[in-house]
Amino acid sequence: MTSYEMQVNVLARIIRTGNDEMITESIEAFEQLPVPDNYAYLLDKANFPFLVDFYASSNGTAKRLIKEHRDAKAVQIANETPFIVKDFYDGTMRASAEGTLPDHIHNSSLS
């Protein structure tokens, strides 16, 4: 576990306290840390969106952190989408070349 992961876990525990002042101060300190490449994954792994919605829904700093997290996640998903689509297409073409398609690929009413 890296020191950043430990900080994520500590911040998750602080959010669970529901103490707005402590949450705000902790998030402000957390935002000063260098951000690793797997930032979005670590926040998802710690379940930050749920924790903020459940324990800190009225905390502006926490809501801003989650908005930034969701924005970063959207960029990550947008970057991964072409690769996922290509893998799906390649797999479908391989199955088609073998003479079969999985049931979820074709519409059985057209057969």
Foldseek 3Di string as FASTA:
>chain_A
DDVLLVLLLVLLVVLQVLPLVSNQVSLVVNVVDDADPCNLVSCVVSPLVVSCVVRPVPRPSSVVVVVVSVVVVVVVCVVCVVVVVVVVVVVQVVQVVVPDGDPVPDDPVVD
